[in-house]
Amino acid sequence: MSNRLELVSHGADETHAIGFRLGLTAKAGHVILMTGELGTGKTTMAQGIAEGLGVAERPRSPTFVMATEYMGRLPFYHLDLYRVEQVAELSEIGLDEYVSAQGVTVIEWADKAPEMFLSECLWISLYSSNEETRQIKMIANGSRHRTFIDYLQGVNPTLEDD
């Protein structure tokens, strides 16, 4: 059993579909940390995760408010650390409460403060290969988060039936 997985997405729909599958698999207490340059699909993947969790509302990037909460089959906490300048700001938004909550926490720009996160998490790095293609690298820290890797290995990331 590997704790790493690399996928290729050939467009926003596939990136969303990979997120959707993560949302279907997510359990209370899961923390998903995303990194990547602007425009690589972090918010698109987060929207897919939310849809997989049954969130009716389409999440928007919480860049200006830093954190938004949605309800699906589990609470979905969507955080964005893009504007964080000092790690101390994270206690002001209650980062500790979000990552220890019994929902699913997704954090964009998590590389702004990697020392703040639990050892049990799923790191997702998105890289642009070209205008449409994305390389998606996942590293699961801890057995609880390795379930994502186990589920996605060998699964077609599109929404078509397997």
C-alpha atoms as a PDB file:
ATOM      1  CA  MET A   1       0.000   0.000   0.000  1.00  0.00           C
ATOM      2  CA  SER A   2       1.462   3.284  -1.141  1.00  0.00           C
ATOM      3  CA  ASN A   3       0.947   6.636   0.478  1.00  0.00           C
ATOM      4  CA  ARG A   4       1.602   8.478  -2.825  1.00  0.00           C
ATOM      5  CA  LEU A   5      -0.379   8.867  -6.006  1.00  0.00           C
ATOM      6  CA  GLU A   6       0.158  10.908  -9.151  1.00  0.00           C
ATOM      7  CA  LEU A   7      -2.697  11.687 -11.518  1.00  0.00           C
ATOM      8  CA  VAL A   8      -3.056  13.733 -14.672  1.00  0.00           C
ATOM      9  CA  SER A   9      -6.095  15.916 -15.248  1.00  0.00           C
ATOM     10  CA  HIS A  10      -6.878  17.018 -18.798  1.00  0.00           C
ATOM     11  CA  GLY A  11      -9.186  19.868 -17.830  1.00  0.00           C
ATOM     12  CA  ALA A  12     -11.269  21.471 -15.131  1.00  0.00           C
ATOM     13  CA  ASP A  13     -13.978  18.792 -15.416  1.00  0.00           C
ATOM     14  CA  GLU A  14     -11.475  16.029 -14.613  1.00  0.00           C
ATOM     15  CA  THR A  15      -9.978  18.022 -11.730  1.00  0.00           C
ATOM     16  CA  HIS A  16     -13.494  18.530 -10.365  1.00  0.00           C
ATOM     17  CA  ALA A  17     -14.245  14.806 -10.806  1.00  0.00           C
ATOM     18  CA  ILE A  18     -11.129  13.810  -8.852  1.00  0.00           C
ATOM     19  CA  GLY A  19     -12.272  16.125  -6.062  1.00  0.00           C
ATOM     20  CA  PHE A  20     -15.764  14.617  -6.254  1.00  0.00           C
ATOM     21  CA  ARG A  21     -14.329  11.156  -5.637  1.00  0.00           C
ATOM     22  CA  LEU A  22     -12.341  12.491  -2.683  1.00  0.00           C
ATOM     23  CA  GLY A  23     -15.569  13.944  -1.280  1.00  0.00           C
ATOM     24  CA  LEU A  24     -17.364  10.608  -1.681  1.00  0.00           C
ATOM     25  CA  THR A  25     -14.588   8.930   0.311  1.00  0.00           C
ATOM     26  CA  ALA A  26     -14.101  11.638   2.957  1.00  0.00           C
ATOM     27  CA  LYS A  27     -14.893  10.953   6.587  1.00  0.00           C
ATOM     28  CA  ALA A  28     -15.224  13.170   9.633  1.00  0.00           C
ATOM     29  CA  GLY A  29     -11.874  14.558  10.699  1.00  0.00           C
ATOM     30  CA  HIS A  30     -10.189  14.334   7.297  1.00  0.00           C
ATOM     31  CA  VAL A  31      -7.892  17.251   6.460  1.00  0.00           C
ATOM     32  CA  ILE A  32      -6.969  17.927   2.831  1.00  0.00           C
ATOM     33  CA  LEU A  33      -4.180  20.422   2.211  1.00  0.00           C
ATOM     34  CA  MET A  34      -3.689  21.852  -1.275  1.00  0.00           C
ATOM     35  CA  THR A  35      -0.779  23.673  -2.860  1.00  0.00           C
ATOM     36  CA  GLY A  36      -0.164  25.036  -6.335  1.00  0.00           C
ATOM     37  CA  GLU A  37       0.233  28.252  -8.252  1.00  0.00           C
ATOM     38  CA  LEU A  38      -2.702  30.500  -9.117  1.00  0.00           C
ATOM     39  CA  GLY A  39      -4.996  28.883 -11.656  1.00  0.00           C
ATOM     40  CA  THR A  40      -3.887  25.282 -11.162  1.00  0.00           C
ATOM     41  CA  GLY A  41      -7.304  24.060 -10.011  1.00  0.00           C
ATOM     42  CA  LYS A  42      -7.279  24.145  -6.200  1.00  0.00           C
ATOM     43  CA  THR A  43     -10.715  25.765  -5.952  1.00  0.00           C
ATOM     44  CA  THR A  44     -12.084  23.528  -8.724  1.00  0.00           C
ATOM     45  CA  MET A  45     -10.944  20.465  -6.787  1.00  0.00           C
ATOM     46  CA  ALA A  46     -12.404  21.878  -3.551  1.00  0.00           C
ATOM     47  CA  GLN A  47     -15.740  22.361  -5.332  1.00  0.00           C
ATOM     48  CA  GLY A  48     -15.633  18.728  -6.418  1.00  0.00           C
ATOM     49  CA  ILE A  49     -14.928  17.615  -2.844  1.00  0.00           C
ATOM     50  CA  ALA A  50     -17.896  19.661  -1.633  1.00  0.00           C
ATOM     51  CA  GLU A  51     -20.162  18.117  -4.271  1.00  0.00           C
ATOM     52  CA  GLY A  52     -18.985  14.628  -3.270  1.00  0.00           C
ATOM     53  CA  LEU A  53     -19.944  15.515   0.297  1.00  0.00           C
ATOM     54  CA  GLY A  54     -23.432  16.499  -0.853  1.00  0.00           C
ATOM     55  CA  VAL A  55     -22.994  20.247  -0.347  1.00  0.00           C
ATOM     56  CA  ALA A  56     -25.782  21.934  -2.331  1.00  0.00           C
ATOM     57  CA  GLU A  57     -24.100  25.325  -2.630  1.00  0.00           C
ATOM     58  CA  ARG A  58     -21.094  25.705  -4.942  1.00  0.00           C
ATOM     59  CA  PRO A  59     -18.186  26.920  -2.797  1.00  0.00           C
ATOM     60  CA  ARG A  60     -16.257  29.944  -3.935  1.00  0.00           C
ATOM     61  CA  SER A  61     -12.665  30.635  -3.072  1.00  0.00           C
ATOM     62  CA  PRO A  62     -12.665  32.077   0.449  1.00  0.00           C
ATOM     63  CA  THR A  63      -9.592  34.244  -0.275  1.00  0.00           C
ATOM     64  CA  PHE A  64     -10.997  37.401   1.299  1.00  0.00           C
ATOM     65  CA  VAL A  65     -12.838  35.830   4.247  1.00  0.00           C
ATOM     66  CA  MET A  66     -10.250  33.044   4.705  1.00  0.00           C
ATOM     67  CA  ALA A  67     -12.817  30.465   5.875  1.00  0.00           C
ATOM     68  CA  THR A  68     -16.300  29.393   4.854  1.00  0.00           C
ATOM     69  CA  GLU A  69     -18.481  26.589   6.168  1.00  0.00           C
ATOM     70  CA  TYR A  70     -20.993  24.488   4.266  1.00  0.00           C
ATOM     71  CA  MET A  71     -23.232  21.597   5.224  1.00  0.00           C
ATOM     72  CA  GLY A  72     -23.476  18.315   3.347  1.00  0.00           C
ATOM     73  CA  ARG A  73     -23.460  14.774   4.732  1.00  0.00           C
ATOM     74  CA  LEU A  74     -20.617  16.185   6.867  1.00  0.00           C
ATOM     75  CA  PRO A  75     -19.641  19.778   7.568  1.00  0.00           C
ATOM     76  CA  PHE A  76     -17.269  21.096   4.891  1.00  0.00           C
ATOM     77  CA  TYR A  77     -14.756  23.730   5.995  1.00  0.00           C
ATOM     78  CA  HIS A  78     -13.039  25.549   3.120  1.00  0.00           C
ATOM     79  CA  LEU A  79     -10.064  27.718   4.032  1.00  0.00           C
ATOM     80  CA  ASP A  80      -7.712  29.776   1.892  1.00  0.00           C
ATOM     81  CA  LEU A  81      -4.369  30.959   3.268  1.00  0.00           C
ATOM     82  CA  TYR A  82      -3.332  32.970   0.200  1.00  0.00           C
ATOM     83  CA  ARG A  83      -3.466  36.310   2.027  1.00  0.00           C
ATOM     84  CA  VAL A  84      -1.830  35.070   5.232  1.00  0.00           C
ATOM     85  CA  GLU A  85       1.296  37.060   5.984  1.00  0.00           C
ATOM     86  CA  GLN A  86       2.046  35.796   9.489  1.00  0.00           C
ATOM     87  CA  VAL A  87       1.339  32.419  11.034  1.00  0.00           C
ATOM     88  CA  ALA A  88      -0.170  34.218  14.058  1.00  0.00           C
ATOM     89  CA  GLU A  89      -3.122  35.231  11.848  1.00  0.00           C
ATOM     90  CA  LEU A  90      -4.178  31.593  11.678  1.00  0.00           C
ATOM     91  CA  SER A  91      -5.173  31.486  15.334  1.00  0.00           C
ATOM     92  CA  GLU A  92      -7.445  34.484  14.694  1.00  0.00           C
ATOM     93  CA  ILE A  93      -9.483  32.506  12.152  1.00  0.00           C
ATOM     94  CA  GLY A  94      -9.564  29.449  14.427  1.00  0.00           C
ATOM     95  CA  LEU A  95      -7.407  27.174  12.281  1.00  0.00           C
ATOM     96  CA  ASP A  96      -6.895  24.725  15.151  1.00  0.00           C
ATOM     97  CA  GLU A  97     -10.651  24.327  15.554  1.00  0.00           C
ATOM     98  CA  TYR A  98     -11.169  23.665  11.847  1.00  0.00           C
ATOM     99  CA  VAL A  99      -8.476  20.996  11.536  1.00  0.00           C
ATOM    100  CA  SER A 100      -9.655  19.229  14.679  1.00  0.00           C
ATOM    101  CA  ALA A 101     -13.374  19.486  13.853  1.00  0.00           C
ATOM    102  CA  GLN A 102     -15.547  16.524  12.937  1.00  0.00           C
ATOM    103  CA  GLY A 103     -16.121  17.681   9.397  1.00  0.00           C
ATOM    104  CA  VAL A 104     -13.912  17.684   6.321  1.00  0.00           C
ATOM    105  CA  THR A 105     -11.410  20.530   6.178  1.00  0.00           C
ATOM    106  CA  VAL A 106      -9.923  21.628   2.854  1.00  0.00           C
ATOM    107  CA  ILE A 107      -7.190  24.263   2.944  1.00  0.00           C
ATOM    108  CA  GLU A 108      -5.880  26.004  -0.164  1.00  0.00           C
ATOM    109  CA  TRP A 109      -2.364  27.492  -0.062  1.00  0.00           C
ATOM    110  CA  ALA A 110      -1.510  25.240   2.889  1.00  0.00           C
ATOM    111  CA  ASP A 111       2.182  25.644   2.078  1.00  0.00           C
ATOM    112  CA  LYS A 112       1.984  29.123   3.643  1.00  0.00           C
ATOM    113  CA  ALA A 113       2.120  27.466   7.084  1.00  0.00           C
ATOM    114  CA  PRO A 114       2.930  23.743   6.791  1.00  0.00           C
ATOM    115  CA  GLU A 115       4.084  23.552  10.405  1.00  0.00           C
ATOM    116  CA  MET A 116       0.509  24.247  11.548  1.00  0.00           C
ATOM    117  CA  PHE A 117      -0.956  20.995  10.292  1.00  0.00           C
ATOM    118  CA  LEU A 118      -1.464  17.616  11.845  1.00  0.00           C
ATOM    119  CA  SER A 119       0.671  14.718  10.823  1.00  0.00           C
ATOM    120  CA  GLU A 120      -2.566  12.992   9.674  1.00  0.00           C
ATOM    121  CA  CYS A 121      -3.593  14.705   6.433  1.00  0.00           C
ATOM    122  CA  LEU A 122      -3.666  14.447   2.646  1.00  0.00           C
ATOM    123  CA  TRP A 123      -1.327  16.829   0.806  1.00  0.00           C
ATOM    124  CA  ILE A 124      -2.321  17.578  -2.792  1.00  0.00           C
ATOM    125  CA  SER A 125       0.002  19.528  -5.080  1.00  0.00           C
ATOM    126  CA  LEU A 126      -1.294  20.735  -8.429  1.00  0.00           C
ATOM    127  CA  TYR A 127       1.051  21.743 -11.256  1.00  0.00           C
ATOM    128  CA  SER A 128       0.243  23.156 -14.688  1.00  0.00           C
ATOM    129  CA  SER A 129       1.667  21.204 -17.589  1.00  0.00           C
ATOM    130  CA  ASN A 130      -0.042  23.466 -20.103  1.00  0.00           C
ATOM    131  CA  GLU A 131      -3.238  25.499 -20.349  1.00  0.00           C
ATOM    132  CA  GLU A 132      -5.504  22.520 -19.614  1.00  0.00           C
ATOM    133  CA  THR A 133      -3.361  19.675 -18.260  1.00  0.00           C
ATOM    134  CA  ARG A 134      -2.546  19.398 -14.549  1.00  0.00           C
ATOM    135  CA  GLN A 135      -0.204  17.069 -12.724  1.00  0.00           C
ATOM    136  CA  ILE A 136      -1.753  16.166  -9.366  1.00  0.00           C
ATOM    137  CA  LYS A 137       0.504  14.681  -6.709  1.00  0.00           C
ATOM    138  CA  MET A 138      -0.999  13.316  -3.507  1.00  0.00           C
ATOM    139  CA  ILE A 139       0.789  12.277  -0.343  1.00  0.00           C
ATOM    140  CA  ALA A 140      -1.215  10.682   2.457  1.00  0.00           C
ATOM    141  CA  ASN A 141       0.186  11.126   5.933  1.00  0.00           C
ATOM    142  CA  GLY A 142      -1.308   8.499   8.211  1.00  0.00           C
ATOM    143  CA  SER A 143      -3.445   5.457   7.578  1.00  0.00           C
ATOM    144  CA  ARG A 144      -6.755   7.377   7.822  1.00  0.00           C
ATOM    145  CA  HIS A 145      -5.795   9.489   4.838  1.00  0.00           C
ATOM    146  CA  ARG A 146      -4.263   6.633   2.856  1.00  0.00           C
ATOM    147  CA  THR A 147      -7.847   5.513   2.175  1.00  0.00           C
ATOM    148  CA  PHE A 148      -8.003   8.326  -0.403  1.00  0.00           C
ATOM    149  CA  ILE A 149      -4.986   6.911  -2.236  1.00  0.00           C
ATOM    150  CA  ASP A 150      -6.305   3.349  -2.038  1.00  0.00           C
ATOM    151  CA  TYR A 151      -9.657   4.481  -3.452  1.00  0.00           C
ATOM    152  CA  LEU A 152      -8.236   6.522  -6.312  1.00  0.00           C
ATOM    153  CA  GLN A 153      -5.602   4.038  -7.464  1.00  0.00           C
ATOM    154  CA  GLY A 154      -6.764   2.548 -10.692  1.00  0.00           C
ATOM    155  CA  VAL A 155     -10.006   4.549 -10.701  1.00  0.00           C
ATOM    156  CA  ASN A 156     -10.887   6.592 -13.767  1.00  0.00           C
ATOM    157  CA  PRO A 157     -11.090  10.163 -12.410  1.00  0.00           C
ATOM    158  CA  THR A 158     -14.030  11.077 -14.627  1.00  0.00           C
ATOM    159  CA  LEU A 159     -17.594  10.819 -13.393  1.00  0.00           C
ATOM    160  CA  GLU A 160     -18.345   7.938 -15.740  1.00  0.00           C
ATOM    161  CA  ASP A 161     -19.109   4.566 -14.190  1.00  0.00           C
ATOM    162  CA  ASP A 162     -16.045   2.413 -13.558  1.00  0.00           C
END
